[in-house]
Amino acid sequence: VAHDSRLGNRCVLVNGVMLGGHSTLGDNVFVGGASTVHQYVRLGEHAYIGGSSAVERDVVPWGLALGNRATLRGPNLLGMKRRGLSKEAIRQGRAAYAELFARGTGTLAETVASMHSRGEWGPVGDAVLSFLAADSRRGVLGVKLDELEALDPDE
């Protein structure tokens, strides 16, 4: 863990994890073994980083990210279930992810503003929107396009 890093409560860093300086981990973040997190990267609460991943950009709360040059694979559904979120909260979270990352027009900032103005998105969606509204030094990790089918909110 490098200088000036901040770790939330109940974070799990498996062996061989390296955190760059000024990185920030929210509560309940899991970082798989041999993963690297670049300096100034923020990992939102309940984010799950798969083993041997290289994370260069911020990962939204409840995000599931993996790969050498990690991509966001969608919401951490297993983590939501293990934390005891209701089916409705999980459905709302999936709907928020689908709208945010499957958007066809406009910027991410415009989508976030539009979603904020339309009301509540449940605990997952609200956490993601708040995270995205904050300043980012590294930018936000993008979603892998072939994974968007898994974001069906009604499933």
C-alpha atoms as a PDB file:
ATOM      1  CA  VAL A   1       0.000   0.000   0.000  1.00  0.00           C
ATOM      2  CA  ALA A   2       1.667   3.180  -1.201  1.00  0.00           C
ATOM      3  CA  HIS A   3       1.773   6.615   0.402  1.00  0.00           C
ATOM      4  CA  ASP A   4      -1.346   8.660   1.080  1.00  0.00           C
ATOM      5  CA  SER A   5      -3.713   5.799   0.237  1.00  0.00           C
ATOM      6  CA  ARG A   6      -7.020   5.536   2.078  1.00  0.00           C
ATOM      7  CA  LEU A   7      -8.753   2.237   2.776  1.00  0.00           C
ATOM      8  CA  GLY A   8     -12.330   1.962   3.971  1.00  0.00           C
ATOM      9  CA  ASN A   9     -13.636  -0.515   6.512  1.00  0.00           C
ATOM     10  CA  ARG A  10     -13.643  -4.271   5.886  1.00  0.00           C
ATOM     11  CA  CYS A  11     -11.523  -4.175   2.712  1.00  0.00           C
ATOM     12  CA  VAL A  12      -9.905  -7.421   1.576  1.00  0.00           C
ATOM     13  CA  LEU A  13      -6.551  -7.267  -0.224  1.00  0.00           C
ATOM     14  CA  VAL A  14      -5.442 -10.734  -1.269  1.00  0.00           C
ATOM     15  CA  ASN A  15      -1.709 -11.520  -1.403  1.00  0.00           C
ATOM     16  CA  GLY A  16       0.417  -9.649  -3.908  1.00  0.00           C
ATOM     17  CA  VAL A  17      -1.931  -6.664  -4.317  1.00  0.00           C
ATOM     18  CA  MET A  18      -0.226  -3.339  -5.048  1.00  0.00           C
ATOM     19  CA  LEU A  19      -1.958  -0.002  -4.468  1.00  0.00           C
ATOM     20  CA  GLY A  20      -0.451   3.111  -6.015  1.00  0.00           C
ATOM     21  CA  GLY A  21      -0.106   6.354  -4.095  1.00  0.00           C
ATOM     22  CA  HIS A  22      -3.225   8.364  -3.281  1.00  0.00           C
ATOM     23  CA  SER A  23      -5.536   5.454  -4.153  1.00  0.00           C
ATOM     24  CA  THR A  24      -8.838   5.339  -2.291  1.00  0.00           C
ATOM     25  CA  LEU A  25     -10.864   2.232  -1.450  1.00  0.00           C
ATOM     26  CA  GLY A  26     -14.418   2.495  -0.161  1.00  0.00           C
ATOM     27  CA  ASP A  27     -15.876   0.176   2.445  1.00  0.00           C
ATOM     28  CA  ASN A  28     -16.115  -3.558   1.708  1.00  0.00           C
ATOM     29  CA  VAL A  29     -13.848  -3.499  -1.372  1.00  0.00           C
ATOM     30  CA  PHE A  30     -12.321  -6.818  -2.455  1.00  0.00           C
ATOM     31  CA  VAL A  31      -9.112  -6.806  -4.518  1.00  0.00           C
ATOM     32  CA  GLY A  32      -8.026 -10.194  -5.885  1.00  0.00           C
ATOM     33  CA  GLY A  33      -4.490 -11.521  -5.658  1.00  0.00           C
ATOM     34  CA  ALA A  34      -1.668 -10.077  -7.767  1.00  0.00           C
ATOM     35  CA  SER A  35      -3.786  -7.088  -8.812  1.00  0.00           C
ATOM     36  CA  THR A  36      -2.389  -3.607  -9.326  1.00  0.00           C
ATOM     37  CA  VAL A  37      -4.269  -0.362  -8.729  1.00  0.00           C
ATOM     38  CA  HIS A  38      -2.796   2.764 -10.352  1.00  0.00           C
ATOM     39  CA  GLN A  39      -2.134   5.904  -8.342  1.00  0.00           C
ATOM     40  CA  TYR A  40      -5.123   8.204  -7.710  1.00  0.00           C
ATOM     41  CA  VAL A  41      -7.624   5.472  -8.596  1.00  0.00           C
ATOM     42  CA  ARG A  42     -10.832   5.296  -6.541  1.00  0.00           C
ATOM     43  CA  LEU A  43     -12.542   1.963  -5.908  1.00  0.00           C
ATOM     44  CA  GLY A  44     -16.130   2.566  -4.826  1.00  0.00           C
ATOM     45  CA  GLU A  45     -17.772   0.783  -1.912  1.00  0.00           C
ATOM     46  CA  HIS A  46     -18.402  -2.931  -2.458  1.00  0.00           C
ATOM     47  CA  ALA A  47     -16.315  -2.968  -5.667  1.00  0.00           C
ATOM     48  CA  TYR A  48     -14.883  -6.366  -6.595  1.00  0.00           C
ATOM     49  CA  ILE A  49     -11.594  -6.538  -8.497  1.00  0.00           C
ATOM     50  CA  GLY A  50     -10.747  -9.939  -9.978  1.00  0.00           C
ATOM     51  CA  GLY A  51      -7.325 -11.487  -9.457  1.00  0.00           C
ATOM     52  CA  SER A  52      -4.362 -10.424 -11.618  1.00  0.00           C
ATOM     53  CA  SER A  53      -6.164  -7.282 -12.754  1.00  0.00           C
ATOM     54  CA  ALA A  54      -4.538  -3.980 -13.674  1.00  0.00           C
ATOM     55  CA  VAL A  55      -6.873  -1.131 -12.712  1.00  0.00           C
ATOM     56  CA  GLU A  56      -6.029   2.219 -14.305  1.00  0.00           C
ATOM     57  CA  ARG A  57      -9.328   4.047 -13.807  1.00  0.00           C
ATOM     58  CA  ASP A  58     -11.936   4.441 -11.078  1.00  0.00           C
ATOM     59  CA  VAL A  59     -14.332   1.551 -10.421  1.00  0.00           C
ATOM     60  CA  VAL A  60     -17.864   2.548  -9.451  1.00  0.00           C
ATOM     61  CA  PRO A  61     -19.500   1.235  -6.261  1.00  0.00           C
ATOM     62  CA  TRP A  62     -20.707  -2.349  -6.526  1.00  0.00           C
ATOM     63  CA  GLY A  63     -18.697  -2.682  -9.759  1.00  0.00           C
ATOM     64  CA  LEU A  64     -17.201  -5.982 -10.879  1.00  0.00           C
ATOM     65  CA  ALA A  65     -13.965  -5.334 -12.770  1.00  0.00           C
ATOM     66  CA  LEU A  66     -11.268  -7.630 -14.066  1.00  0.00           C
ATOM     67  CA  GLY A  67      -8.589  -8.120 -16.661  1.00  0.00           C
ATOM     68  CA  ASN A  68      -5.117  -6.983 -17.557  1.00  0.00           C
ATOM     69  CA  ARG A  69      -6.249  -3.451 -18.255  1.00  0.00           C
ATOM     70  CA  ALA A  70      -9.430  -4.032 -16.329  1.00  0.00           C
ATOM     71  CA  THR A  71     -12.872  -3.387 -17.740  1.00  0.00           C
ATOM     72  CA  LEU A  72     -16.125  -3.051 -15.861  1.00  0.00           C
ATOM     73  CA  ARG A  73     -18.083  -6.278 -16.342  1.00  0.00           C
ATOM     74  CA  GLY A  74     -21.231  -5.039 -14.645  1.00  0.00           C
ATOM     75  CA  PRO A  75     -22.650  -4.907 -11.149  1.00  0.00           C
ATOM     76  CA  ASN A  76     -21.372  -7.221  -8.413  1.00  0.00           C
ATOM     77  CA  LEU A  77     -24.629  -9.169  -8.131  1.00  0.00           C
ATOM     78  CA  LEU A  78     -23.207 -11.863  -5.871  1.00  0.00           C
ATOM     79  CA  GLY A  79     -21.926  -9.164  -3.516  1.00  0.00           C
ATOM     80  CA  MET A  80     -25.375  -7.561  -3.454  1.00  0.00           C
ATOM     81  CA  LYS A  81     -27.003 -10.865  -2.533  1.00  0.00           C
ATOM     82  CA  ARG A  82     -24.376 -11.622   0.123  1.00  0.00           C
ATOM     83  CA  ARG A  83     -24.906  -8.178   1.672  1.00  0.00           C
ATOM     84  CA  GLY A  84     -28.620  -8.948   1.972  1.00  0.00           C
ATOM     85  CA  LEU A  85     -29.962  -6.383  -0.482  1.00  0.00           C
ATOM     86  CA  SER A  86     -33.593  -6.928  -1.383  1.00  0.00           C
ATOM     87  CA  LYS A  87     -34.603  -8.139  -4.831  1.00  0.00           C
ATOM     88  CA  GLU A  88     -36.022  -4.681  -5.504  1.00  0.00           C
ATOM     89  CA  ALA A  89     -32.734  -2.974  -4.522  1.00  0.00           C
ATOM     90  CA  ILE A  90     -30.816  -5.347  -6.801  1.00  0.00           C
ATOM     91  CA  ARG A  91     -33.262  -4.710  -9.650  1.00  0.00           C
ATOM     92  CA  GLN A  92     -32.897  -0.949  -9.181  1.00  0.00           C
ATOM     93  CA  GLY A  93     -29.102  -1.280  -9.149  1.00  0.00           C
ATOM     94  CA  ARG A  94     -29.105  -3.320 -12.358  1.00  0.00           C
ATOM     95  CA  ALA A  95     -31.408  -0.765 -13.987  1.00  0.00           C
ATOM     96  CA  ALA A  96     -29.057   2.071 -12.992  1.00  0.00           C
ATOM     97  CA  TYR A  97     -26.034   0.215 -14.422  1.00  0.00           C
ATOM     98  CA  ALA A  98     -27.911  -0.540 -17.627  1.00  0.00           C
ATOM     99  CA  GLU A  99     -28.915   3.086 -18.129  1.00  0.00           C
ATOM    100  CA  LEU A 100     -25.497   4.481 -17.235  1.00  0.00           C
ATOM    101  CA  PHE A 101     -23.333   2.157 -19.267  1.00  0.00           C
ATOM    102  CA  ALA A 102     -25.603   1.221 -22.176  1.00  0.00           C
ATOM    103  CA  ARG A 103     -26.367   4.808 -23.045  1.00  0.00           C
ATOM    104  CA  GLY A 104     -26.491   5.614 -26.709  1.00  0.00           C
ATOM    105  CA  THR A 105     -26.204   9.386 -26.748  1.00  0.00           C
ATOM    106  CA  GLY A 106     -24.722  12.073 -24.581  1.00  0.00           C
ATOM    107  CA  THR A 107     -21.837  12.014 -22.173  1.00  0.00           C
ATOM    108  CA  LEU A 108     -21.638  10.102 -18.925  1.00  0.00           C
ATOM    109  CA  ALA A 109     -21.946  13.417 -17.036  1.00  0.00           C
ATOM    110  CA  GLU A 110     -25.171  14.241 -18.916  1.00  0.00           C
ATOM    111  CA  THR A 111     -26.579  10.784 -18.170  1.00  0.00           C
ATOM    112  CA  VAL A 112     -25.719  11.116 -14.470  1.00  0.00           C
ATOM    113  CA  ALA A 113     -27.391  14.551 -14.302  1.00  0.00           C
ATOM    114  CA  SER A 114     -30.483  13.234 -16.065  1.00  0.00           C
ATOM    115  CA  MET A 115     -30.726  10.243 -13.739  1.00  0.00           C
ATOM    116  CA  HIS A 116     -30.262  12.431 -10.634  1.00  0.00           C
ATOM    117  CA  SER A 117     -33.142  14.626 -11.735  1.00  0.00           C
ATOM    118  CA  ARG A 118     -35.470  11.640 -12.182  1.00  0.00           C
ATOM    119  CA  GLY A 119     -35.348  10.465  -8.570  1.00  0.00           C
ATOM    120  CA  GLU A 120     -34.331   7.454  -6.534  1.00  0.00           C
ATOM    121  CA  TRP A 121     -32.333   4.531  -7.916  1.00  0.00           C
ATOM    122  CA  GLY A 122     -32.092   2.499  -4.711  1.00  0.00           C
ATOM    123  CA  PRO A 123     -28.977   2.091  -2.552  1.00  0.00           C
ATOM    124  CA  VAL A 124     -26.792   0.755  -5.369  1.00  0.00           C
ATOM    125  CA  GLY A 125     -27.825   3.240  -8.049  1.00  0.00           C
ATOM    126  CA  ASP A 126     -27.670   6.196  -5.675  1.00  0.00           C
ATOM    127  CA  ALA A 127     -24.152   5.193  -4.540  1.00  0.00           C
ATOM    128  CA  VAL A 128     -23.004   4.905  -8.160  1.00  0.00           C
ATOM    129  CA  LEU A 129     -24.495   8.270  -9.126  1.00  0.00           C
ATOM    130  CA  SER A 130     -22.894  10.017  -6.125  1.00  0.00           C
ATOM    131  CA  PHE A 131     -19.542   8.405  -6.939  1.00  0.00           C
ATOM    132  CA  LEU A 132     -19.744   9.557 -10.565  1.00  0.00           C
ATOM    133  CA  ALA A 133     -20.696  13.103  -9.538  1.00  0.00           C
ATOM    134  CA  ALA A 134     -17.426  13.438  -7.556  1.00  0.00           C
ATOM    135  CA  ASP A 135     -14.166  14.544  -9.145  1.00  0.00           C
ATOM    136  CA  SER A 136     -11.962  11.885 -10.700  1.00  0.00           C
ATOM    137  CA  ARG A 137      -8.265  12.257 -11.476  1.00  0.00           C
ATOM    138  CA  ARG A 138      -8.098   9.073 -13.565  1.00  0.00           C
ATOM    139  CA  GLY A 139     -11.508   8.820 -15.217  1.00  0.00           C
ATOM    140  CA  VAL A 140     -14.013   5.999 -14.817  1.00  0.00           C
ATOM    141  CA  LEU A 141     -13.487   2.451 -15.957  1.00  0.00           C
ATOM    142  CA  GLY A 142     -15.534   1.625 -19.044  1.00  0.00           C
ATOM    143  CA  VAL A 143     -17.827  -1.315 -19.503  1.00  0.00           C
ATOM    144  CA  LYS A 144     -16.976  -4.182 -21.824  1.00  0.00           C
ATOM    145  CA  LEU A 145     -19.625  -3.876 -24.522  1.00  0.00           C
ATOM    146  CA  ASP A 146     -20.321  -7.604 -24.918  1.00  0.00           C
ATOM    147  CA  GLU A 147     -21.214  -7.749 -21.216  1.00  0.00           C
ATOM    148  CA  LEU A 148     -24.140  -5.314 -21.491  1.00  0.00           C
ATOM    149  CA  GLU A 149     -26.649  -8.101 -22.094  1.00  0.00           C
ATOM    150  CA  ALA A 150     -26.049  -9.210 -18.492  1.00  0.00           C
ATOM    151  CA  LEU A 151     -27.432  -5.882 -17.296  1.00  0.00           C
ATOM    152  CA  ASP A 152     -31.080  -6.721 -17.992  1.00  0.00           C
ATOM    153  CA  PRO A 153     -32.776  -5.170 -14.920  1.00  0.00           C
ATOM    154  CA  ASP A 154     -35.743  -7.537 -15.000  1.00  0.00           C
ATOM    155  CA  GLU A 155     -33.740 -10.745 -14.876  1.00  0.00           C
END
